[in-house]
Amino acid sequence: MNALPERGLAASLRHALIGRAAALATALGALAVAGAALAADPASAPSANGPSDTLMSRARELFKPLPATLPVVRNNAVTREKIDLGKMLFFDPRLSASGIFSCNSCHNLGLGGVDGLETSVGHGWQKGPRNAPTVLNAVLNVAQFWDGRAEDLKAQAKGPIQAGVEMNSTPDRVMAVLNSVPAYKAKFADAFPNETTPVTFDNVAMAIEAFEATLTTPAAPFDQYLEGKADALTATQKAGLGLFIDKGCAGCHNGVNVGGHDYFPFGVVAKPGAEILPPTDKGRFAVTKTADDEYVFRAPTLRNVALTAPYFHSGKVWDLRQAVAVMGSSQLGATLTDQEIDSITAFLQSLTGQQPRVEYPLLPASTPATPQPVFK
C-alpha cells in the first residue's frame, strides 16, 4: 500500500502528551477524593436526579454529546449527490479486483461498522495484519487506521482499494470499471458538476468520505445523560462512569468520540503478552520511524464498542469484560475487581447510539467493457 501523509502528533511531542495524560490522571484522582468525601457525607452531595448532579458535571468536563447534525468534513463539500454516489461505491464489490470485496465487507453497517473478525479477510482469502476499526463516527477521529497513517477518510478510502491483502485493485482499474458503466459516469457528473473529467480516483475517495460522514450514531443513553437526562443511565452505568473517570480511562478516551483524538502506547504501565500485543506490530513507529512511537496506537473511539468485538488492533480479545480488565492492568496499573469490571462494562454499553439505517443501493449493471474479475 502506498504510504499516506503523516498527520497527528510529532514525535517530539510524545513526552508532552504522556505528561498531559499523567496530569489528567492526577486531576481525576483529586476528583475521586472529592467524590469519596461526598459519599461519606451524603447530605452534602447535590441531588443525583437534577442538573446539579456532581457526576454529570464531571462527565460534561470530559465528554461532549454526539451532535445530530452532519459533521464538518475538511476540504470536501458534502452534497446529497456525493453522498448518494459514495453510498453506491461503498457497497460496490467491483472496486476490488476479484469483484467480491467492497468497503462494506470489512466495515459492515449491519454489524456496528466492523466485520466481526480477528483480522479482515481480503483478496485471495488473505488475512490482513490488523482488526478493522469501526467506520461509525470515524469522521470524528483525528486520523484514520490504528497508526494514523491516513489524515482523513479520503486518504483512508484509497488504501484498502489498493492493498494487496484487501481489495487488490489499482486506480487505473477502478477508473476502467467506472467509465465502463454509463450510469456511474452520470452520477459522477452530478456529484462533481464543475469538473471536465469527474471520474477520477480522487473523486471516488471524496464521494466515499461524504457518505461515511453520515455514518454517525447519536442519541446514545450516555449522550442523553450528558444533555441532562439523569435517568438515561442505570445506577450500575453511573457507577461505571464514575470508575471510568476515577481510574483514569478518560485520560485517553474522552471528547465527543470517547477516544479517537490522540495516540498512546499500548502498555503504559505493563505491556500485554504477545497473544494480545504482537511484538512485530510496532504501531505508529511504522509511520514515523521514531523510537518513542513503538507500540503507540490511536486510541479507538469507544462509541458502539459493545457491538464491535473482537477488540484491540490485534483482534485477540472477544469479551468486552476481558478488554476492560486488560486496559486496567496494562494502561492504568490497576487490578480491577469483578464488580468494577461489570460496572465499567455496563457504562460502555451506554455508548451504543442509534445505528444508521442505510438502504442497500441498487448498483448499475456492468457492460461488456467492464473489466472481468481477477482472482490471482
Protein backbone atom coordinates (compact mmCIF):
# COMPACT_ATOMS: atom_id res chain seq x y z
CA MET A 1 0.00 0.00 0.00
CA ASN A 2 1.30 3.45 -0.80
CA ALA A 3 2.50 5.45 2.17
CA LEU A 4 -0.04 8.10 3.13
CA PRO A 5 0.64 11.58 4.56
CA GLU A 6 1.73 11.81 8.19
CA ARG A 7 -0.69 13.59 10.48
CA GLY A 8 -1.08 13.90 14.24
CA LEU A 9 1.43 14.37 17.00
CA ALA A 10 5.05 14.81 16.06
CA ALA A 11 7.47 12.50 17.81
CA SER A 12 8.95 15.45 19.65
CA LEU A 13 5.61 15.97 21.42
CA ARG A 14 5.34 12.36 22.62
CA HIS A 15 6.64 13.05 26.11
CA ALA A 16 4.48 16.16 26.41
CA LEU A 17 1.41 14.09 25.54
CA ILE A 18 2.19 11.44 28.11
CA GLY A 19 2.83 14.22 30.61
CA ARG A 20 -0.59 15.68 29.90
CA ALA A 21 -2.18 12.28 30.34
CA ALA A 22 -0.41 11.90 33.68
CA ALA A 23 -1.56 15.35 34.75
CA LEU A 24 -5.12 14.49 33.82
CA ALA A 25 -4.88 11.27 35.78
CA THR A 26 -3.70 13.27 38.81
CA ALA A 27 -6.59 15.67 38.44
CA LEU A 28 -9.00 12.76 38.12
CA GLY A 29 -7.55 11.30 41.29
CA ALA A 30 -8.27 14.54 43.09
CA LEU A 31 -11.83 14.39 41.84
CA ALA A 32 -12.06 10.84 43.15
CA VAL A 33 -11.02 12.03 46.61
CA ALA A 34 -13.66 14.73 46.49
CA GLY A 35 -16.20 12.16 45.40
CA ALA A 36 -15.26 9.92 48.32
CA ALA A 37 -15.78 12.83 50.70
CA LEU A 38 -19.24 13.44 49.28
CA ALA A 39 -20.04 9.75 49.67
CA ALA A 40 -19.02 9.93 53.32
CA ASP A 41 -21.43 12.84 53.85
CA PRO A 42 -24.45 12.21 51.59
CA ALA A 43 -26.23 15.26 52.93
CA SER A 44 -23.61 17.49 51.34
CA ALA A 45 -23.99 15.88 47.88
CA PRO A 46 -26.20 17.50 45.21
CA SER A 47 -29.27 15.63 44.06
CA ALA A 48 -28.42 12.70 41.77
CA ASN A 49 -31.55 13.40 39.75
CA GLY A 50 -31.11 17.08 38.95
CA PRO A 51 -28.96 19.23 36.68
CA SER A 52 -26.53 19.84 39.55
CA ASP A 53 -25.67 16.14 39.69
CA THR A 54 -21.95 16.02 40.55
CA LEU A 55 -21.21 13.03 38.31
CA MET A 56 -22.98 14.67 35.39
CA SER A 57 -20.95 17.84 35.87
CA ARG A 58 -17.70 15.89 35.97
CA ALA A 59 -18.68 13.97 32.85
CA ARG A 60 -19.50 17.15 30.97
CA GLU A 61 -15.98 18.44 31.60
CA LEU A 62 -14.52 15.43 29.79
CA PHE A 63 -17.09 14.40 27.18
CA LYS A 64 -19.48 16.00 24.71
CA PRO A 65 -22.68 14.53 23.29
CA LEU A 66 -22.58 13.48 19.68
CA PRO A 67 -24.37 16.13 17.61
CA ALA A 68 -27.29 15.06 15.47
CA THR A 69 -26.12 17.30 12.61
CA LEU A 70 -23.70 16.22 9.88
CA PRO A 71 -20.06 16.77 10.94
CA VAL A 72 -17.96 19.25 9.01
CA VAL A 73 -15.67 17.49 6.53
CA ARG A 74 -12.38 19.18 5.71
CA ASN A 75 -11.72 20.05 2.08
CA ASN A 76 -14.78 18.24 0.80
CA ALA A 77 -18.11 19.98 0.39
CA VAL A 78 -20.65 17.30 1.25
CA THR A 79 -23.67 17.29 -1.04
CA ARG A 80 -26.58 14.92 -1.48
CA GLU A 81 -25.20 13.88 -4.87
CA LYS A 82 -21.81 12.99 -3.36
CA ILE A 83 -23.45 11.07 -0.53
CA ASP A 84 -25.59 9.04 -2.93
CA LEU A 85 -22.61 8.26 -5.17
CA GLY A 86 -20.43 7.44 -2.17
CA LYS A 87 -23.01 5.01 -0.84
CA MET A 88 -23.02 3.14 -4.14
CA LEU A 89 -19.23 2.98 -4.21
CA PHE A 90 -19.10 1.87 -0.55
CA PHE A 91 -21.21 -1.19 -1.40
CA ASP A 92 -19.84 -1.94 -4.88
CA PRO A 93 -17.56 -5.02 -4.91
CA ARG A 94 -16.39 -4.18 -8.42
CA LEU A 95 -13.93 -1.71 -6.92
CA SER A 96 -11.99 -4.83 -5.91
CA ALA A 97 -10.01 -6.87 -8.44
CA SER A 98 -11.99 -10.03 -7.64
CA GLY A 99 -15.39 -8.38 -7.68
CA ILE A 100 -16.01 -9.88 -4.25
CA PHE A 101 -14.93 -7.30 -1.67
CA SER A 102 -16.42 -3.87 -1.01
CA CYS A 103 -15.86 -1.30 1.72
CA ASN A 104 -18.86 -2.85 3.47
CA SER A 105 -17.11 -6.24 3.56
CA CYS A 106 -14.78 -5.07 6.36
CA HIS A 107 -17.00 -2.25 7.67
CA ASN A 108 -20.37 -3.95 7.69
CA LEU A 109 -23.03 -1.40 8.53
CA GLY A 110 -25.23 -4.13 9.95
CA LEU A 111 -22.50 -5.17 12.40
CA GLY A 112 -21.52 -1.90 14.03
CA GLY A 113 -19.29 -0.87 11.13
CA VAL A 114 -16.88 -3.82 11.51
CA ASP A 115 -16.63 -7.36 10.16
CA GLY A 116 -16.57 -9.27 13.45
CA LEU A 117 -13.28 -10.96 12.58
CA GLU A 118 -9.94 -11.02 14.36
CA THR A 119 -8.37 -9.54 11.24
CA SER A 120 -10.16 -8.95 7.97
CA VAL A 121 -10.13 -11.38 5.07
CA GLY A 122 -9.34 -9.96 1.65
CA HIS A 123 -8.18 -10.82 -1.85
CA GLY A 124 -7.33 -14.49 -2.26
CA TRP A 125 -8.68 -15.11 1.25
CA GLN A 126 -5.60 -13.49 2.74
CA LYS A 127 -5.80 -12.30 6.34
CA GLY A 128 -4.94 -8.69 6.99
CA PRO A 129 -2.50 -7.65 9.73
CA ARG A 130 -4.94 -5.75 11.97
CA ASN A 131 -8.50 -5.71 13.20
CA ALA A 132 -10.83 -3.48 11.16
CA PRO A 133 -11.80 -0.34 13.14
CA THR A 134 -15.42 0.73 13.02
CA VAL A 135 -16.43 3.16 10.29
CA LEU A 136 -19.20 4.55 12.52
CA ASN A 137 -18.30 8.03 13.78
CA ALA A 138 -14.86 7.63 12.14
CA VAL A 139 -15.22 11.10 10.64
CA LEU A 140 -14.65 12.47 14.16
CA ASN A 141 -11.26 10.76 14.62
CA VAL A 142 -8.04 12.78 14.45
CA ALA A 143 -6.80 10.42 11.72
CA GLN A 144 -7.61 7.01 10.27
CA PHE A 145 -6.16 3.50 10.73
CA TRP A 146 -4.71 2.30 14.03
CA ASP A 147 -1.43 4.07 13.33
CA GLY A 148 -2.97 7.28 11.97
CA ARG A 149 -1.26 6.99 8.60
CA ALA A 150 -4.28 8.42 6.74
CA GLU A 151 -5.07 12.00 7.62
CA ASP A 152 -8.77 11.71 6.81
CA LEU A 153 -11.41 9.44 5.33
CA LYS A 154 -10.47 10.48 1.78
CA ALA A 155 -6.96 9.13 2.28
CA GLN A 156 -8.24 6.08 4.13
CA ALA A 157 -10.63 5.13 1.33
CA LYS A 158 -7.77 4.84 -1.16
CA GLY A 159 -5.72 2.48 0.98
CA PRO A 160 -7.85 -0.70 1.13
CA ILE A 161 -8.76 -0.46 -2.57
CA GLN A 162 -5.07 -0.70 -3.47
CA ALA A 163 -3.88 -3.02 -0.68
CA GLY A 164 -2.88 -6.46 -1.96
CA VAL A 165 -4.37 -8.22 1.07
CA GLU A 166 -7.65 -6.30 0.82
CA MET A 167 -9.24 -5.27 -2.50
CA ASN A 168 -6.06 -5.63 -4.58
CA SER A 169 -7.07 -3.12 -7.24
CA THR A 170 -5.40 -0.07 -8.80
CA PRO A 171 -6.62 3.44 -9.60
CA ASP A 172 -6.48 2.64 -13.33
CA ARG A 173 -8.59 -0.49 -12.92
CA VAL A 174 -11.14 1.37 -10.78
CA MET A 175 -11.39 4.10 -13.45
CA ALA A 176 -11.84 1.46 -16.15
CA VAL A 177 -14.69 -0.14 -14.20
CA LEU A 178 -16.48 3.13 -13.52
CA ASN A 179 -16.03 4.53 -17.02
CA SER A 180 -17.46 1.32 -18.47
CA VAL A 181 -20.79 1.93 -16.70
CA PRO A 182 -22.77 4.87 -18.16
CA ALA A 183 -24.88 5.28 -15.03
CA TYR A 184 -21.74 5.80 -12.94
CA LYS A 185 -20.41 8.41 -15.36
CA ALA A 186 -23.68 10.31 -14.98
CA LYS A 187 -23.54 10.03 -11.19
CA PHE A 188 -20.01 11.43 -11.10
CA ALA A 189 -21.05 14.31 -13.36
CA ASP A 190 -23.89 15.14 -10.94
CA ALA A 191 -21.65 14.90 -7.86
CA PHE A 192 -18.79 16.91 -9.36
CA PRO A 193 -20.58 19.30 -11.74
CA ASN A 194 -17.74 21.77 -12.24
CA GLU A 195 -15.16 19.25 -13.43
CA THR A 196 -14.49 18.38 -17.04
CA THR A 197 -13.31 14.87 -16.09
CA PRO A 198 -15.30 13.96 -12.96
CA VAL A 199 -14.50 10.22 -12.90
CA THR A 200 -11.20 10.25 -11.02
CA PHE A 201 -9.72 8.18 -8.21
CA ASP A 202 -9.59 11.29 -6.00
CA ASN A 203 -13.31 11.81 -6.55
CA VAL A 204 -14.02 8.17 -5.69
CA ALA A 205 -12.38 8.82 -2.33
CA MET A 206 -14.22 12.12 -1.82
CA ALA A 207 -17.59 10.53 -2.54
CA ILE A 208 -16.94 7.64 -0.17
CA GLU A 209 -15.85 10.13 2.51
CA ALA A 210 -19.05 12.15 2.02
CA PHE A 211 -21.14 9.02 2.57
CA GLU A 212 -19.09 7.84 5.55
CA ALA A 213 -19.54 11.27 7.18
CA THR A 214 -23.24 10.42 7.51
CA LEU A 215 -22.50 7.24 9.49
CA THR A 216 -22.83 8.73 12.95
CA THR A 217 -24.74 7.25 15.88
CA PRO A 218 -26.35 9.98 18.00
CA ALA A 219 -28.72 9.71 20.94
CA ALA A 220 -26.86 7.02 22.89
CA PRO A 221 -28.02 6.80 26.52
CA PHE A 222 -24.75 8.47 27.52
CA ASP A 223 -25.44 11.36 25.11
CA GLN A 224 -28.87 11.79 26.65
CA TYR A 225 -27.28 11.79 30.09
CA LEU A 226 -24.80 14.48 29.09
CA GLU A 227 -27.72 16.52 27.78
CA GLY A 228 -29.32 16.46 31.23
CA LYS A 229 -31.48 13.34 31.35
CA ALA A 230 -30.26 11.91 34.65
CA ASP A 231 -32.23 8.67 34.36
CA ALA A 232 -30.78 7.84 30.90
CA LEU A 233 -28.14 5.74 32.69
CA THR A 234 -28.84 2.97 35.16
CA ALA A 235 -27.31 3.04 38.63
CA THR A 236 -24.74 0.46 37.51
CA GLN A 237 -23.85 2.51 34.43
CA LYS A 238 -23.42 5.62 36.57
CA ALA A 239 -21.13 3.69 38.88
CA GLY A 240 -19.18 2.56 35.81
CA LEU A 241 -18.93 6.13 34.53
CA GLY A 242 -17.55 7.23 37.89
CA LEU A 243 -14.96 4.46 37.78
CA PHE A 244 -14.14 5.25 34.13
CA ILE A 245 -13.25 8.77 35.23
CA ASP A 246 -11.66 7.97 38.59
CA LYS A 247 -9.48 5.12 37.39
CA GLY A 248 -8.08 7.22 34.53
CA CYS A 249 -9.75 5.60 31.50
CA ALA A 250 -10.90 9.05 30.43
CA GLY A 251 -7.27 10.13 30.14
CA CYS A 252 -7.19 8.52 26.67
CA HIS A 253 -10.90 8.07 25.91
CA ASN A 254 -12.54 11.46 26.15
CA GLY A 255 -14.14 14.13 23.98
CA VAL A 256 -17.09 13.80 21.66
CA ASN A 257 -15.92 10.43 20.27
CA VAL A 258 -14.87 8.99 23.65
CA GLY A 259 -11.44 8.40 22.11
CA GLY A 260 -10.00 8.68 18.63
CA HIS A 261 -8.34 12.03 19.29
CA ASP A 262 -4.75 11.12 20.23
CA TYR A 263 -2.07 8.44 20.23
CA PHE A 264 -0.92 6.43 23.25
CA PRO A 265 1.39 3.49 23.98
CA PHE A 266 -0.35 0.14 24.34
CA GLY A 267 1.03 -0.83 27.71
CA VAL A 268 1.68 2.46 29.53
CA VAL A 269 2.30 0.54 32.75
CA ALA A 270 2.82 -3.03 31.55
CA LYS A 271 2.73 -4.37 28.01
CA PRO A 272 0.22 -7.18 27.44
CA GLY A 273 1.54 -10.55 26.39
CA ALA A 274 2.33 -11.42 22.79
CA GLU A 275 -1.07 -13.10 22.45
CA ILE A 276 -2.65 -9.60 22.64
CA LEU A 277 0.22 -7.30 21.58
CA PRO A 278 2.08 -8.96 18.70
CA PRO A 279 5.75 -7.92 19.03
CA THR A 280 6.18 -7.48 15.28
CA ASP A 281 3.48 -4.81 15.00
CA LYS A 282 5.05 -1.64 16.38
CA GLY A 283 2.11 0.59 15.54
CA ARG A 284 2.82 4.22 14.74
CA PHE A 285 6.56 3.53 14.55
CA ALA A 286 5.95 2.22 11.01
CA VAL A 287 4.74 5.71 10.06
CA THR A 288 7.15 7.98 11.94
CA LYS A 289 10.24 5.73 12.32
CA THR A 290 10.66 7.32 15.76
CA ALA A 291 11.59 5.09 18.70
CA ASP A 292 9.12 6.85 21.00
CA ASP A 293 6.31 5.68 18.72
CA GLU A 294 6.98 1.97 19.14
CA TYR A 295 3.74 0.21 20.15
CA VAL A 296 1.87 3.52 20.03
CA PHE A 297 -1.62 3.45 18.52
CA ARG A 298 -4.51 5.83 18.08
CA ALA A 299 -6.90 5.36 20.98
CA PRO A 300 -10.05 3.99 19.34
CA THR A 301 -13.44 5.54 19.79
CA LEU A 302 -15.44 3.64 22.38
CA ARG A 303 -18.76 4.58 20.85
CA ASN A 304 -20.70 1.41 19.99
CA VAL A 305 -17.87 -0.67 21.48
CA ALA A 306 -20.36 -3.26 22.70
CA LEU A 307 -21.06 -4.03 19.01
CA THR A 308 -17.51 -4.22 17.70
CA ALA A 309 -15.83 -7.32 19.16
CA PRO A 310 -13.15 -8.58 18.88
CA TYR A 311 -11.04 -5.86 20.45
CA PHE A 312 -7.67 -4.12 20.07
CA HIS A 313 -5.64 -3.79 16.90
CA SER A 314 -4.79 -7.48 17.10
CA GLY A 315 -8.43 -8.55 17.49
CA LYS A 316 -7.37 -11.11 20.07
CA VAL A 317 -9.93 -10.33 22.80
CA TRP A 318 -13.55 -11.27 22.16
CA ASP A 319 -15.10 -10.37 25.54
CA LEU A 320 -15.65 -6.71 26.42
CA ARG A 321 -15.20 -7.51 30.11
CA GLN A 322 -11.79 -9.01 29.37
CA ALA A 323 -10.87 -5.95 27.30
CA VAL A 324 -11.72 -3.72 30.28
CA ALA A 325 -9.55 -5.87 32.56
CA VAL A 326 -6.63 -5.75 30.11
CA MET A 327 -6.87 -1.97 29.87
CA GLY A 328 -6.94 -1.69 33.66
CA SER A 329 -3.73 -3.64 34.13
CA SER A 330 -1.82 -2.52 31.03
CA GLN A 331 -2.74 1.15 30.84
CA LEU A 332 -3.57 2.04 34.43
CA GLY A 333 -1.64 -0.48 36.51
CA ALA A 334 -4.88 -1.39 38.28
CA THR A 335 -6.28 -4.82 39.05
CA LEU A 336 -9.99 -4.18 38.71
CA THR A 337 -12.44 -6.19 40.79
CA ASP A 338 -15.21 -8.17 39.11
CA GLN A 339 -17.73 -5.61 40.30
CA GLU A 340 -15.67 -2.72 38.88
CA ILE A 341 -15.31 -4.54 35.57
CA ASP A 342 -19.05 -5.18 35.45
CA SER A 343 -19.82 -1.53 36.18
CA ILE A 344 -17.39 -0.14 33.59
CA THR A 345 -18.68 -2.64 31.02
CA ALA A 346 -22.25 -1.54 31.75
CA PHE A 347 -21.20 2.08 31.20
CA LEU A 348 -19.57 1.20 27.87
CA GLN A 349 -22.84 -0.37 26.77
CA SER A 350 -24.47 3.04 27.24
CA LEU A 351 -22.31 4.32 24.37
CA THR A 352 -24.34 2.41 21.78
CA GLY A 353 -26.19 5.03 19.75
CA GLN A 354 -28.84 4.99 17.07
CA GLN A 355 -27.41 2.95 14.21
CA PRO A 356 -27.55 4.43 10.72
CA ARG A 357 -30.38 2.94 8.70
CA VAL A 358 -28.93 2.57 5.23
CA GLU A 359 -30.97 1.20 2.36
CA TYR A 360 -28.82 -1.10 0.24
CA PRO A 361 -28.31 0.69 -3.08
CA LEU A 362 -29.23 -0.79 -6.44
CA LEU A 363 -25.95 -0.78 -8.35
CA PRO A 364 -25.83 -0.14 -12.10
CA ALA A 365 -25.16 -3.18 -14.27
CA SER A 366 -21.78 -3.94 -15.77
CA THR A 367 -21.30 -3.77 -19.53
CA PRO A 368 -19.19 -5.85 -21.93
CA ALA A 369 -16.46 -3.20 -21.48
CA THR A 370 -16.28 -3.70 -17.70
CA PRO A 371 -13.02 -5.42 -16.68
CA GLN A 372 -13.63 -9.01 -15.69
CA PRO A 373 -12.81 -10.23 -12.15
CA VAL A 374 -9.24 -11.26 -11.39
CA PHE A 375 -8.62 -13.86 -8.69
CA LYS A 376 -4.82 -14.18 -8.75
